[in-house]
C-alpha atoms as a PDB file:
ATOM      1  CA  MET A   1      30.077  -8.238 -70.403  1.00  0.00           C
ATOM      2  CA  LYS A   2      31.716  -9.838 -67.413  1.00  0.00           C
ATOM      3  CA  PRO A   3      34.720 -12.167 -67.873  1.00  0.00           C
ATOM      4  CA  GLU A   4      32.695 -14.958 -66.248  1.00  0.00           C
ATOM      5  CA  ASP A   5      30.232 -14.732 -69.141  1.00  0.00           C
ATOM      6  CA  LEU A   6      32.780 -16.317 -71.462  1.00  0.00           C
ATOM      7  CA  LEU A   7      32.975 -19.363 -69.220  1.00  0.00           C
ATOM      8  CA  LEU A   8      29.181 -19.540 -69.116  1.00  0.00           C
ATOM      9  CA  LEU A   9      29.100 -19.710 -72.920  1.00  0.00           C
ATOM     10  CA  VAL A  10      31.033 -22.988 -72.868  1.00  0.00           C
ATOM     11  CA  THR A  11      29.198 -24.495 -69.882  1.00  0.00           C
ATOM     12  CA  ARG A  12      25.571 -23.300 -70.072  1.00  0.00           C
ATOM     13  CA  GLN A  13      23.133 -25.281 -72.186  1.00  0.00           C
ATOM     14  CA  MET A  14      20.346 -23.836 -74.281  1.00  0.00           C
ATOM     15  CA  PRO A  15      17.237 -24.327 -72.108  1.00  0.00           C
ATOM     16  CA  PHE A  16      14.592 -24.387 -74.856  1.00  0.00           C
ATOM     17  CA  GLY A  17      13.880 -24.620 -78.561  1.00  0.00           C
ATOM     18  CA  LYS A  18      15.296 -26.613 -81.432  1.00  0.00           C
ATOM     19  CA  TYR A  19      18.770 -26.694 -79.896  1.00  0.00           C
ATOM     20  CA  LYS A  20      17.722 -27.412 -76.307  1.00  0.00           C
ATOM     21  CA  GLY A  21      20.598 -29.060 -74.428  1.00  0.00           C
ATOM     22  CA  ARG A  22      23.340 -27.771 -76.733  1.00  0.00           C
ATOM     23  CA  LEU A  23      26.032 -25.528 -75.257  1.00  0.00           C
ATOM     24  CA  ILE A  24      25.461 -21.884 -76.100  1.00  0.00           C
ATOM     25  CA  ALA A  25      28.963 -21.726 -77.592  1.00  0.00           C
ATOM     26  CA  ASP A  26      27.970 -24.534 -79.986  1.00  0.00           C
ATOM     27  CA  LEU A  27      24.788 -22.953 -81.331  1.00  0.00           C
ATOM     28  CA  PRO A  28      24.840 -22.395 -85.098  1.00  0.00           C
ATOM     29  CA  GLY A  29      25.311 -18.872 -86.398  1.00  0.00           C
ATOM     30  CA  HIS A  30      22.025 -18.833 -88.291  1.00  0.00           C
ATOM     31  CA  TYR A  31      20.157 -19.547 -85.039  1.00  0.00           C
ATOM     32  CA  LEU A  32      21.992 -16.781 -83.193  1.00  0.00           C
ATOM     33  CA  ASN A  33      21.340 -14.407 -86.095  1.00  0.00           C
ATOM     34  CA  TRP A  34      17.640 -15.264 -85.955  1.00  0.00           C
ATOM     35  CA  PHE A  35      17.561 -14.116 -82.323  1.00  0.00           C
ATOM     36  CA  ALA A  36      19.427 -10.944 -83.302  1.00  0.00           C
ATOM     37  CA  ARG A  37      16.719 -10.175 -85.867  1.00  0.00           C
ATOM     38  CA  GLU A  38      13.684 -11.246 -83.840  1.00  0.00           C
ATOM     39  CA  GLY A  39      14.841 -10.259 -80.363  1.00  0.00           C
ATOM     40  CA  PHE A  40      16.763 -12.001 -77.613  1.00  0.00           C
ATOM     41  CA  PRO A  41      14.825 -13.434 -74.674  1.00  0.00           C
ATOM     42  CA  PRO A  42      14.969 -11.529 -71.397  1.00  0.00           C
ATOM     43  CA  GLY A  43      17.395 -12.276 -68.613  1.00  0.00           C
ATOM     44  CA  GLU A  44      20.698 -14.069 -68.484  1.00  0.00           C
ATOM     45  CA  ILE A  45      19.998 -16.419 -71.373  1.00  0.00           C
ATOM     46  CA  GLY A  46      19.247 -13.497 -73.676  1.00  0.00           C
ATOM     47  CA  ARG A  47      22.406 -11.706 -72.581  1.00  0.00           C
ATOM     48  CA  LEU A  48      24.496 -14.815 -73.234  1.00  0.00           C
ATOM     49  CA  LEU A  49      22.875 -15.427 -76.628  1.00  0.00           C
ATOM     50  CA  ALA A  50      23.552 -11.820 -77.629  1.00  0.00           C
ATOM     51  CA  LEU A  51      27.175 -12.151 -76.543  1.00  0.00           C
ATOM     52  CA  MET A  52      27.607 -15.406 -78.446  1.00  0.00           C
ATOM     53  CA  GLN A  53      26.016 -13.904 -81.558  1.00  0.00           C
ATOM     54  CA  GLU A  54      28.477 -11.012 -81.426  1.00  0.00           C
ATOM     55  CA  ILE A  55      31.424 -13.382 -80.945  1.00  0.00           C
ATOM     56  CA  ASP A  56      30.261 -15.649 -83.783  1.00  0.00           C
ATOM     57  CA  HIS A  57      29.456 -12.759 -86.132  1.00  0.00           C
ATOM     58  CA  ASN A  58      32.970 -11.364 -85.720  1.00  0.00           C
ATOM     59  CA  GLY A  59      34.666 -14.735 -86.217  1.00  0.00           C
ATOM     60  CA  LEU A  60      35.963 -14.893 -82.662  1.00  0.00           C
ATOM     61  CA  SER A  61      34.545 -18.301 -81.655  1.00  0.00           C
ATOM     62  CA  PRO A  62      38.021 -19.942 -81.531  1.00  0.00           C
ATOM     63  CA  LEU A  63      38.838 -17.667 -78.590  1.00  0.00           C
ATOM     64  CA  LEU A  64      36.490 -19.811 -76.486  1.00  0.00           C
ATOM     65  CA  ASP A  65      38.411 -23.036 -77.193  1.00  0.00           C
ATOM     66  CA  PRO A  66      40.864 -22.701 -74.261  1.00  0.00           C
ATOM     67  CA  LEU A  67      37.921 -22.269 -71.890  1.00  0.00           C
ATOM     68  CA  ARG A  68      36.376 -25.553 -72.975  1.00  0.00           C
ATOM     69  CA  SER A  69      39.099 -27.507 -71.181  1.00  0.00           C
ATOM     70  CA  THR A  70      38.992 -25.344 -68.033  1.00  0.00           C
ATOM     71  CA  PRO A  71      37.782 -27.344 -65.025  1.00  0.00           C
ATOM     72  CA  ARG A  72      34.499 -26.031 -63.689  1.00  0.00           C
ATOM     73  CA  MET A  73      34.717 -24.180 -60.396  1.00  0.00           C
ATOM     74  CA  ARG A  74      32.160 -25.209 -57.807  1.00  0.00           C
END
């Protein structure tokens, strides 16, 4: 994991599926757990989903709250 990945969790939207358009940090735990059971997609989105599942599973989601108000760097 890279520190920048945490910022991506609160800025990157889910690009497909039932929760398309929702921030990865806001995906429900049952959806993340489904990916953990069935397999994460390849590439960056899969890496971010796996990270978010681990954060959610361990009850660490509130740690992302301060990042939600961080201005986006361009």
